[in-house]
Structures are given as C-alpha cells and as structure tokens.
C-alpha cells in the first residue's frame, strides 16, 4: 500500500490526437482550459469544451480523448488509504478518426 494522500492533487495535462484510459480510487475532475475533450465513463460519453468540467467517479474507468487538442487541469480528490491508480491504455488516434472516439489499436 502506498502512503496516504489526504489532500487533493492538481495537475495540468494535454492530449494531441491521443487517448488515455485510467482508473483511480478517488474522484477525478478535469477542467478544460483549451480545445475539445471527450470522456467516456460508465456507459456515457460527454464532449467538453473550454470552460467545462467533467467528473469520473472513484473506482470507474475513464477514457479521455482529443481528436485534435485539449489542455486540462485535473483535480484528484483525497486518497486517504493510499490506494493505487491504474493506467489501462494510451493510444495515438488515427488521422481520420471521427469524434466517436475510435482509436488505433
């Protein structure tokens, strides 16, 4: 078990024609600073643009993708038990990829 993180974590990140899939033991919020971000979680897909916030609940697998570009600030809720996060996948999106989110395998 990792060291507990009782506070929140804050980071800036971006995707450029990429997708990222992960799972956290804490809620994750992404505030879109620029561009367009798609997020799929628990059977629902949302499109977020500049100024939008998207939440992926604790324990859920979230898939994030930006066909062109998105820059976000991510906020991770507290993780007092110090449980591990898991990365499930990273992929470059194919140039012809539509907003539906199909990625290169």
N, C-alpha and C. Protein backbone atom coordinates (compact mmCIF):
# COMPACT_ATOMS: atom_id res chain seq x y z
N UNK A 1 0.84 -1.18 0.00
CA UNK A 1 0.00 0.00 0.00
C UNK A 1 0.88 1.24 0.00
N UNK A 2 0.47 2.23 -0.75
CA UNK A 2 1.23 3.47 -0.84
C UNK A 2 0.88 4.38 0.34
N UNK A 3 1.69 5.40 0.48
CA UNK A 3 1.46 6.39 1.52
C UNK A 3 0.13 7.11 1.26
N UNK A 4 -0.69 7.32 2.29
CA UNK A 4 -1.96 8.02 2.11
C UNK A 4 -1.74 9.45 1.61
N UNK A 5 -2.70 9.91 0.81
CA UNK A 5 -2.70 11.28 0.30
C UNK A 5 -4.00 11.93 0.75
N UNK A 6 -3.99 12.53 1.93
CA UNK A 6 -5.25 13.05 2.46
C UNK A 6 -5.77 14.29 1.74
N UNK A 7 -4.93 15.01 1.04
CA UNK A 7 -5.37 16.22 0.35
C UNK A 7 -5.73 15.96 -1.10
N UNK A 8 -5.92 17.03 -1.84
CA UNK A 8 -6.21 16.91 -3.26
C UNK A 8 -4.92 17.07 -4.06
N UNK A 9 -4.93 16.54 -5.28
CA UNK A 9 -3.81 16.71 -6.20
C UNK A 9 -4.32 17.52 -7.38
N UNK A 10 -3.45 18.38 -7.91
CA UNK A 10 -3.79 19.26 -9.01
C UNK A 10 -2.68 19.17 -10.05
N UNK A 11 -3.06 18.96 -11.33
CA UNK A 11 -2.04 18.91 -12.38
C UNK A 11 -2.63 19.39 -13.69
N UNK A 12 -1.76 19.89 -14.55
CA UNK A 12 -2.16 20.30 -15.90
C UNK A 12 -1.66 19.24 -16.86
N UNK A 13 -2.50 18.89 -17.86
CA UNK A 13 -2.09 17.91 -18.86
C UNK A 13 -2.78 18.20 -20.17
N UNK A 14 -2.31 17.56 -21.24
CA UNK A 14 -2.90 17.78 -22.56
C UNK A 14 -2.88 16.51 -23.38
N UNK A 15 -3.77 16.47 -24.36
CA UNK A 15 -3.82 15.40 -25.34
C UNK A 15 -3.83 16.04 -26.73
N UNK A 16 -3.03 15.48 -27.63
CA UNK A 16 -2.95 15.97 -29.02
C UNK A 16 -3.15 14.77 -29.94
N UNK A 17 -4.39 14.55 -30.36
CA UNK A 17 -4.66 13.39 -31.22
C UNK A 17 -4.36 12.09 -30.49
N UNK A 18 -4.70 12.04 -29.21
CA UNK A 18 -4.37 10.88 -28.37
C UNK A 18 -5.57 10.51 -27.50
N UNK A 19 -5.50 9.29 -26.96
CA UNK A 19 -6.48 8.87 -25.95
C UNK A 19 -5.73 8.25 -24.77
N UNK A 20 -6.35 8.36 -23.61
CA UNK A 20 -5.76 7.90 -22.36
C UNK A 20 -6.89 7.25 -21.55
N UNK A 21 -6.64 6.07 -21.02
CA UNK A 21 -7.64 5.37 -20.22
C UNK A 21 -7.01 5.00 -18.89
N UNK A 22 -7.69 5.37 -17.79
CA UNK A 22 -7.17 5.04 -16.46
C UNK A 22 -8.29 4.85 -15.46
N UNK A 23 -7.89 4.45 -14.27
CA UNK A 23 -8.84 4.19 -13.18
C UNK A 23 -8.18 4.64 -11.88
N UNK A 24 -8.94 5.39 -11.08
CA UNK A 24 -8.42 5.92 -9.83
C UNK A 24 -9.31 5.52 -8.65
N UNK A 25 -8.73 5.41 -7.46
CA UNK A 25 -9.52 5.12 -6.27
C UNK A 25 -10.18 6.38 -5.69
N UNK A 26 -10.09 7.47 -6.42
CA UNK A 26 -10.63 8.76 -5.96
C UNK A 26 -11.35 9.42 -7.13
N UNK A 27 -12.24 10.35 -6.85
CA UNK A 27 -12.89 11.12 -7.91
C UNK A 27 -11.84 11.91 -8.67
N UNK A 28 -12.06 12.07 -9.96
CA UNK A 28 -11.18 12.90 -10.79
C UNK A 28 -12.05 13.91 -11.53
N UNK A 29 -11.63 15.16 -11.49
CA UNK A 29 -12.32 16.24 -12.20
C UNK A 29 -11.34 16.82 -13.21
N UNK A 30 -11.81 17.06 -14.43
CA UNK A 30 -10.98 17.69 -15.45
C UNK A 30 -11.68 18.95 -15.94
N UNK A 31 -10.99 20.08 -15.79
CA UNK A 31 -11.47 21.37 -16.26
C UNK A 31 -10.75 21.66 -17.57
N UNK A 32 -11.51 21.85 -18.64
CA UNK A 32 -10.92 22.06 -19.97
C UNK A 32 -10.50 23.52 -20.11
N UNK A 33 -9.19 23.73 -20.27
CA UNK A 33 -8.64 25.07 -20.45
C UNK A 33 -8.71 25.51 -21.90
N UNK A 34 -8.48 24.56 -22.82
CA UNK A 34 -8.48 24.85 -24.25
C UNK A 34 -8.89 23.59 -25.00
N UNK A 35 -9.53 23.78 -26.15
CA UNK A 35 -9.80 22.66 -27.05
C UNK A 35 -11.08 21.92 -26.75
N UNK A 36 -11.07 20.65 -27.19
CA UNK A 36 -12.25 19.80 -27.08
C UNK A 36 -11.82 18.42 -26.59
N UNK A 37 -12.45 17.98 -25.51
CA UNK A 37 -12.13 16.71 -24.86
C UNK A 37 -13.37 15.85 -24.83
N UNK A 38 -13.20 14.56 -25.13
CA UNK A 38 -14.27 13.59 -24.99
C UNK A 38 -13.92 12.68 -23.82
N UNK A 39 -14.93 12.32 -23.03
CA UNK A 39 -14.71 11.44 -21.89
C UNK A 39 -15.81 10.38 -21.88
N UNK A 40 -15.40 9.12 -21.81
CA UNK A 40 -16.34 8.00 -21.69
C UNK A 40 -16.14 7.36 -20.33
N UNK A 41 -17.26 7.13 -19.63
CA UNK A 41 -17.21 6.53 -18.30
C UNK A 41 -18.57 5.94 -17.97
N UNK A 42 -18.57 4.73 -17.46
CA UNK A 42 -19.81 4.09 -17.00
C UNK A 42 -20.92 4.13 -18.06
N UNK A 43 -20.55 3.87 -19.33
CA UNK A 43 -21.53 3.79 -20.40
C UNK A 43 -22.01 5.11 -20.96
N UNK A 44 -21.44 6.21 -20.52
CA UNK A 44 -21.82 7.53 -21.01
C UNK A 44 -20.61 8.23 -21.59
N UNK A 45 -20.81 8.95 -22.70
CA UNK A 45 -19.75 9.74 -23.32
C UNK A 45 -20.19 11.19 -23.36
N UNK A 46 -19.30 12.07 -22.93
CA UNK A 46 -19.59 13.51 -22.97
C UNK A 46 -18.50 14.23 -23.75
N UNK A 47 -18.89 15.33 -24.36
CA UNK A 47 -17.95 16.23 -25.03
C UNK A 47 -17.82 17.46 -24.16
N UNK A 48 -16.59 17.83 -23.86
CA UNK A 48 -16.33 19.01 -23.03
C UNK A 48 -15.48 19.99 -23.82
N UNK A 49 -15.83 21.25 -23.75
CA UNK A 49 -15.09 22.31 -24.43
C UNK A 49 -14.57 23.29 -23.38
N UNK A 50 -13.82 24.27 -23.83
CA UNK A 50 -13.23 25.25 -22.94
C UNK A 50 -14.24 25.74 -21.91
N UNK A 51 -13.84 25.63 -20.62
CA UNK A 51 -14.69 26.07 -19.52
C UNK A 51 -15.55 24.98 -18.90
N UNK A 52 -15.63 23.81 -19.53
CA UNK A 52 -16.42 22.71 -18.98
C UNK A 52 -15.62 21.89 -17.98
N UNK A 53 -16.33 21.22 -17.07
CA UNK A 53 -15.73 20.31 -16.10
C UNK A 53 -16.37 18.94 -16.28
N UNK A 54 -15.55 17.90 -16.28
CA UNK A 54 -16.03 16.52 -16.39
C UNK A 54 -15.54 15.75 -15.16
N UNK A 55 -16.44 14.96 -14.56
CA UNK A 55 -16.09 14.16 -13.38
C UNK A 55 -16.12 12.68 -13.74
N UNK A 56 -15.08 11.95 -13.32
CA UNK A 56 -15.06 10.50 -13.38
C UNK A 56 -15.05 10.02 -11.93
N UNK A 57 -16.09 9.29 -11.50
CA UNK A 57 -16.19 8.88 -10.10
C UNK A 57 -15.11 7.87 -9.68
N UNK A 58 -14.82 7.87 -8.42
CA UNK A 58 -13.86 6.92 -7.85
C UNK A 58 -14.21 5.50 -8.25
N UNK A 59 -13.18 4.74 -8.64
CA UNK A 59 -13.36 3.33 -8.99
C UNK A 59 -13.83 3.09 -10.41
N UNK A 60 -14.16 4.14 -11.15
CA UNK A 60 -14.61 3.99 -12.53
C UNK A 60 -13.43 4.09 -13.49
N UNK A 61 -13.55 3.40 -14.62
CA UNK A 61 -12.56 3.53 -15.68
C UNK A 61 -13.00 4.71 -16.54
N UNK A 62 -12.08 5.65 -16.75
CA UNK A 62 -12.36 6.81 -17.59
C UNK A 62 -11.48 6.78 -18.82
N UNK A 63 -12.09 7.00 -19.98
CA UNK A 63 -11.33 7.12 -21.23
C UNK A 63 -11.47 8.55 -21.71
N UNK A 64 -10.33 9.21 -21.93
CA UNK A 64 -10.27 10.60 -22.35
C UNK A 64 -9.63 10.63 -23.74
N UNK A 65 -10.19 11.43 -24.66
CA UNK A 65 -9.53 11.57 -25.95
C UNK A 65 -9.81 12.94 -26.55
N UNK A 66 -8.82 13.38 -27.33
CA UNK A 66 -8.90 14.65 -28.03
C UNK A 66 -8.50 14.39 -29.47
N UNK A 67 -9.46 14.41 -30.41
CA UNK A 67 -9.11 14.17 -31.81
C UNK A 67 -8.07 15.16 -32.33
N UNK A 68 -8.11 16.39 -31.82
CA UNK A 68 -7.13 17.40 -32.23
C UNK A 68 -6.28 17.84 -31.05
N UNK A 69 -6.89 18.56 -30.12
CA UNK A 69 -6.13 19.10 -28.98
C UNK A 69 -7.06 19.43 -27.82
N UNK A 70 -6.59 19.14 -26.63
CA UNK A 70 -7.27 19.57 -25.40
C UNK A 70 -6.22 19.75 -24.31
N UNK A 71 -6.36 20.83 -23.57
CA UNK A 71 -5.49 21.09 -22.41
C UNK A 71 -6.40 21.22 -21.20
N UNK A 72 -6.07 20.48 -20.13
CA UNK A 72 -6.93 20.40 -18.97
C UNK A 72 -6.16 20.61 -17.67
N UNK A 73 -6.91 20.96 -16.64
CA UNK A 73 -6.42 20.90 -15.27
C UNK A 73 -7.20 19.76 -14.63
N UNK A 74 -6.47 18.78 -14.09
CA UNK A 74 -7.09 17.65 -13.41
C UNK A 74 -6.99 17.87 -11.91
N UNK A 75 -8.07 17.56 -11.22
CA UNK A 75 -8.11 17.63 -9.76
C UNK A 75 -8.48 16.25 -9.26
N UNK A 76 -7.61 15.67 -8.44
CA UNK A 76 -7.87 14.37 -7.84
C UNK A 76 -8.33 14.59 -6.41
N UNK A 77 -9.44 13.95 -6.06
CA UNK A 77 -9.95 14.02 -4.70
C UNK A 77 -8.98 13.29 -3.76
N UNK A 78 -9.15 13.46 -2.46
CA UNK A 78 -8.26 12.79 -1.50
C UNK A 78 -8.24 11.27 -1.68
N UNK A 79 -7.11 10.67 -1.32
CA UNK A 79 -6.91 9.22 -1.39
C UNK A 79 -6.33 8.79 -0.04
N UNK A 80 -7.14 8.86 1.02
CA UNK A 80 -6.60 8.63 2.37
C UNK A 80 -6.06 7.22 2.61
N UNK A 81 -6.52 6.22 1.85
CA UNK A 81 -6.00 4.86 2.03
C UNK A 81 -4.73 4.62 1.21
N UNK A 82 -4.37 5.56 0.34
CA UNK A 82 -3.17 5.41 -0.47
C UNK A 82 -3.29 4.32 -1.53
N UNK A 83 -4.51 4.04 -1.99
CA UNK A 83 -4.73 3.01 -3.00
C UNK A 83 -4.13 3.42 -4.34
N UNK A 84 -3.74 2.45 -5.15
CA UNK A 84 -3.06 2.70 -6.42
C UNK A 84 -4.03 3.07 -7.53
N UNK A 85 -3.57 3.93 -8.42
CA UNK A 85 -4.27 4.22 -9.67
C UNK A 85 -3.74 3.24 -10.71
N UNK A 86 -4.55 3.01 -11.76
CA UNK A 86 -4.11 2.09 -12.81
C UNK A 86 -4.30 2.73 -14.18
N UNK A 87 -3.27 2.64 -15.01
CA UNK A 87 -3.36 3.07 -16.40
C UNK A 87 -3.76 1.84 -17.20
N UNK A 88 -4.81 1.98 -18.00
CA UNK A 88 -5.30 0.87 -18.81
C UNK A 88 -4.81 0.94 -20.24
N UNK A 89 -4.69 2.16 -20.81
CA UNK A 89 -4.28 2.26 -22.21
C UNK A 89 -3.88 3.68 -22.57
N UNK A 90 -3.00 3.76 -23.56
CA UNK A 90 -2.66 5.02 -24.21
C UNK A 90 -2.61 4.71 -25.70
N UNK A 91 -3.14 5.60 -26.53
CA UNK A 91 -3.09 5.37 -27.98
C UNK A 91 -3.05 6.69 -28.73
N UNK A 92 -2.34 6.67 -29.85
CA UNK A 92 -2.41 7.78 -30.81
C UNK A 92 -3.67 7.53 -31.63
N UNK A 93 -4.45 8.57 -31.86
CA UNK A 93 -5.64 8.44 -32.68
C UNK A 93 -5.26 8.48 -34.15
N UNK A 94 -5.97 7.72 -34.96
CA UNK A 94 -5.71 7.73 -36.39
C UNK A 94 -6.15 9.07 -36.96
N UNK A 95 -5.43 9.59 -37.96
CA UNK A 95 -5.77 10.91 -38.52
C UNK A 95 -7.20 11.04 -38.98
N UNK A 96 -7.81 9.96 -39.46
CA UNK A 96 -9.18 10.02 -39.96
C UNK A 96 -10.21 9.77 -38.87
N UNK A 97 -9.79 9.64 -37.63
CA UNK A 97 -10.69 9.33 -36.54
C UNK A 97 -11.78 10.39 -36.40
N UNK A 98 -13.00 9.93 -36.32
CA UNK A 98 -14.12 10.83 -36.08
C UNK A 98 -14.26 11.07 -34.59
N UNK A 99 -15.12 11.97 -34.22
CA UNK A 99 -15.34 12.31 -32.82
C UNK A 99 -15.90 11.14 -32.01
N UNK A 100 -16.30 10.06 -32.68
CA UNK A 100 -16.86 8.91 -31.98
C UNK A 100 -15.83 8.25 -31.09
N UNK A 101 -14.55 8.57 -31.29
CA UNK A 101 -13.55 8.10 -30.35
C UNK A 101 -12.86 6.81 -30.69
N UNK A 102 -12.95 6.34 -31.90
CA UNK A 102 -12.22 5.13 -32.26
C UNK A 102 -10.73 5.45 -32.25
N UNK A 103 -9.94 4.55 -31.66
CA UNK A 103 -8.50 4.78 -31.56
C UNK A 103 -7.73 3.69 -32.26
N UNK A 104 -6.47 3.98 -32.49
CA UNK A 104 -5.58 2.98 -33.07
C UNK A 104 -5.35 1.88 -32.07
N UNK A 105 -5.33 0.66 -32.51
CA UNK A 105 -5.11 -0.45 -31.59
C UNK A 105 -3.72 -0.98 -31.73
